[in-house]
Amino acid sequence: MESHESDLREEIRDDAEVSRIQEDYRQANLDPATKKLLDFAAKLTLTTKEISRTDVEVLRATGFADEDILDAVQLIGYFNYTNRVMDSLGIDPDPGMRYKPE
């Protein structure tokens, strides 16, 4: 999240909301569908083996089409992959992507 913080700040233009999202997205002023998608992303990232058909059904019931879910899984998987590669090799992010505290 930190490497994309500036993009998020630019997109939503609300520093307090960005801070809430960073601290706990569940407490942020996000729409229910976004929170469900973030729940799914967190579960896929942190407890991959616990993902089940029920998780996909929750997204469908929230209004996500199968194509949306596939896109999400591919993006989440890609970012998890690249983060693990960079972490395991000790590669720092591009200086332009590094978190810059104010």
C-alpha atoms as a PDB file:
ATOM      1  CA  MET A   1       0.000   0.000   0.000  1.00  0.00           C
ATOM      2  CA  GLU A   2       2.736   2.450   0.890  1.00  0.00           C
ATOM      3  CA  SER A   3       4.259   2.420  -2.576  1.00  0.00           C
ATOM      4  CA  HIS A   4       0.872   3.360  -4.062  1.00  0.00           C
ATOM      5  CA  GLU A   5      -0.119   5.868  -1.407  1.00  0.00           C
ATOM      6  CA  SER A   6       0.513   8.915  -3.585  1.00  0.00           C
ATOM      7  CA  ASP A   7      -1.718   7.462  -6.320  1.00  0.00           C
ATOM      8  CA  LEU A   8      -4.499   6.874  -3.809  1.00  0.00           C
ATOM      9  CA  ARG A   9      -4.122  10.383  -2.365  1.00  0.00           C
ATOM     10  CA  GLU A  10      -4.364  11.824  -5.863  1.00  0.00           C
ATOM     11  CA  GLU A  11      -7.415   9.704  -6.677  1.00  0.00           C
ATOM     12  CA  ILE A  12      -9.535  10.373  -3.590  1.00  0.00           C
ATOM     13  CA  ARG A  13      -8.040  13.695  -2.405  1.00  0.00           C
ATOM     14  CA  ASP A  14      -8.765  13.002   1.255  1.00  0.00           C
ATOM     15  CA  ASP A  15      -5.704  12.480   3.462  1.00  0.00           C
ATOM     16  CA  ALA A  16      -7.785  11.349   6.448  1.00  0.00           C
ATOM     17  CA  GLU A  17      -9.505   8.701   4.333  1.00  0.00           C
ATOM     18  CA  VAL A  18      -6.179   7.464   2.960  1.00  0.00           C
ATOM     19  CA  SER A  19      -4.946   7.125   6.547  1.00  0.00           C
ATOM     20  CA  ARG A  20      -8.087   5.174   7.501  1.00  0.00           C
ATOM     21  CA  ILE A  21      -7.592   2.853   4.530  1.00  0.00           C
ATOM     22  CA  GLN A  22      -3.953   2.289   5.502  1.00  0.00           C
ATOM     23  CA  GLU A  23      -4.778   1.618   9.147  1.00  0.00           C
ATOM     24  CA  ASP A  24      -7.874  -0.545   8.589  1.00  0.00           C
ATOM     25  CA  TYR A  25      -9.829  -0.388   5.346  1.00  0.00           C
ATOM     26  CA  ARG A  26     -12.842  -1.871   7.154  1.00  0.00           C
ATOM     27  CA  GLN A  27     -13.140   1.390   9.119  1.00  0.00           C
ATOM     28  CA  ALA A  28     -12.805   3.584   6.025  1.00  0.00           C
ATOM     29  CA  ASN A  29     -15.684   5.224   4.176  1.00  0.00           C
ATOM     30  CA  LEU A  30     -15.623   2.732   1.321  1.00  0.00           C
ATOM     31  CA  ASP A  31     -18.671   1.267  -0.363  1.00  0.00           C
ATOM     32  CA  PRO A  32     -19.662  -2.271   0.697  1.00  0.00           C
ATOM     33  CA  ALA A  33     -18.568  -3.845  -2.613  1.00  0.00           C
ATOM     34  CA  THR A  34     -15.076  -2.369  -2.305  1.00  0.00           C
ATOM     35  CA  LYS A  35     -14.787  -3.644   1.271  1.00  0.00           C
ATOM     36  CA  LYS A  36     -15.859  -7.150   0.166  1.00  0.00           C
ATOM     37  CA  LEU A  37     -13.267  -7.081  -2.605  1.00  0.00           C
ATOM     38  CA  LEU A  38     -10.588  -5.937  -0.143  1.00  0.00           C
ATOM     39  CA  ASP A  39     -11.640  -8.709   2.276  1.00  0.00           C
ATOM     40  CA  PHE A  40     -11.146 -11.176  -0.570  1.00  0.00           C
ATOM     41  CA  ALA A  41      -7.755  -9.660  -1.486  1.00  0.00           C
ATOM     42  CA  ALA A  42      -6.585  -9.836   2.128  1.00  0.00           C
ATOM     43  CA  LYS A  43      -7.690 -13.458   2.462  1.00  0.00           C
ATOM     44  CA  LEU A  44      -6.072 -14.437  -0.833  1.00  0.00           C
ATOM     45  CA  THR A  45      -2.859 -12.710   0.234  1.00  0.00           C
ATOM     46  CA  LEU A  46      -2.634 -13.803   3.864  1.00  0.00           C
ATOM     47  CA  THR A  47      -4.464 -17.141   4.039  1.00  0.00           C
ATOM     48  CA  THR A  48      -4.518 -18.458   0.482  1.00  0.00           C
ATOM     49  CA  LYS A  49      -5.384 -22.031   1.443  1.00  0.00           C
ATOM     50  CA  GLU A  50      -8.558 -20.838   3.159  1.00  0.00           C
ATOM     51  CA  ILE A  51     -10.076 -19.378  -0.033  1.00  0.00           C
ATOM     52  CA  SER A  52     -13.163 -21.336  -1.048  1.00  0.00           C
ATOM     53  CA  ARG A  53     -16.060 -21.249  -3.460  1.00  0.00           C
ATOM     54  CA  THR A  54     -17.983 -19.403  -0.739  1.00  0.00           C
ATOM     55  CA  ASP A  55     -15.588 -16.454  -1.051  1.00  0.00           C
ATOM     56  CA  VAL A  56     -16.286 -16.254  -4.770  1.00  0.00           C
ATOM     57  CA  GLU A  57     -20.032 -16.535  -4.124  1.00  0.00           C
ATOM     58  CA  VAL A  58     -19.827 -13.585  -1.706  1.00  0.00           C
ATOM     59  CA  LEU A  59     -18.282 -11.478  -4.463  1.00  0.00           C
ATOM     60  CA  ARG A  60     -20.945 -12.587  -6.942  1.00  0.00           C
ATOM     61  CA  ALA A  61     -23.698 -11.763  -4.445  1.00  0.00           C
ATOM     62  CA  THR A  62     -22.128  -8.329  -4.001  1.00  0.00           C
ATOM     63  CA  GLY A  63     -22.490  -7.702  -7.730  1.00  0.00           C
ATOM     64  CA  PHE A  64     -19.156  -8.724  -9.196  1.00  0.00           C
ATOM     65  CA  ALA A  65     -19.290 -10.605 -12.490  1.00  0.00           C
ATOM     66  CA  ASP A  66     -17.112 -13.661 -13.021  1.00  0.00           C
ATOM     67  CA  GLU A  67     -14.860 -11.605 -15.302  1.00  0.00           C
ATOM     68  CA  ASP A  68     -14.384  -9.030 -12.514  1.00  0.00           C
ATOM     69  CA  ILE A  69     -13.491 -11.780 -10.053  1.00  0.00           C
ATOM     70  CA  LEU A  70     -11.015 -13.320 -12.488  1.00  0.00           C
ATOM     71  CA  ASP A  71      -9.414  -9.904 -13.052  1.00  0.00           C
ATOM     72  CA  ALA A  72      -9.158  -9.388  -9.292  1.00  0.00           C
ATOM     73  CA  VAL A  73      -7.599 -12.819  -8.688  1.00  0.00           C
ATOM     74  CA  GLN A  74      -5.051 -12.247 -11.446  1.00  0.00           C
ATOM     75  CA  LEU A  75      -4.089  -8.787 -10.168  1.00  0.00           C
ATOM     76  CA  ILE A  76      -3.899  -9.885  -6.536  1.00  0.00           C
ATOM     77  CA  GLY A  77      -1.835 -12.925  -7.525  1.00  0.00           C
ATOM     78  CA  TYR A  78       0.476 -10.849  -9.697  1.00  0.00           C
ATOM     79  CA  PHE A  79       1.172  -8.306  -6.963  1.00  0.00           C
ATOM     80  CA  ASN A  80       1.696 -11.071  -4.396  1.00  0.00           C
ATOM     81  CA  TYR A  81       4.142 -12.741  -6.778  1.00  0.00           C
ATOM     82  CA  THR A  82       6.139  -9.589  -7.532  1.00  0.00           C
ATOM     83  CA  ASN A  83       6.246  -8.572  -3.864  1.00  0.00           C
ATOM     84  CA  ARG A  84       7.557 -11.999  -2.858  1.00  0.00           C
ATOM     85  CA  VAL A  85      10.205 -11.980  -5.593  1.00  0.00           C
ATOM     86  CA  MET A  86      11.389  -8.509  -4.595  1.00  0.00           C
ATOM     87  CA  ASP A  87      11.346  -9.340  -0.876  1.00  0.00           C
ATOM     88  CA  SER A  88      13.213 -12.630  -1.328  1.00  0.00           C
ATOM     89  CA  LEU A  89      15.927 -10.984  -3.426  1.00  0.00           C
ATOM     90  CA  GLY A  90      16.193  -7.924  -1.202  1.00  0.00           C
ATOM     91  CA  ILE A  91      15.207  -5.590  -4.019  1.00  0.00           C
ATOM     92  CA  ASP A  92      14.052  -2.146  -2.953  1.00  0.00           C
ATOM     93  CA  PRO A  93      11.207  -0.613  -4.906  1.00  0.00           C
ATOM     94  CA  ASP A  94      11.917   1.933  -7.591  1.00  0.00           C
ATOM     95  CA  PRO A  95      12.705   5.258  -5.865  1.00  0.00           C
ATOM     96  CA  GLY A  96       9.602   6.753  -7.440  1.00  0.00           C
ATOM     97  CA  MET A  97       7.492   4.055  -5.777  1.00  0.00           C
ATOM     98  CA  ARG A  98       9.049   4.347  -2.317  1.00  0.00           C
ATOM     99  CA  TYR A  99       6.903   5.655   0.535  1.00  0.00           C
ATOM    100  CA  LYS A 100       7.806   9.228   1.445  1.00  0.00           C
ATOM    101  CA  PRO A 101       6.483  10.223   4.871  1.00  0.00           C
ATOM    102  CA  GLU A 102       5.452  13.844   5.093  1.00  0.00           C
END
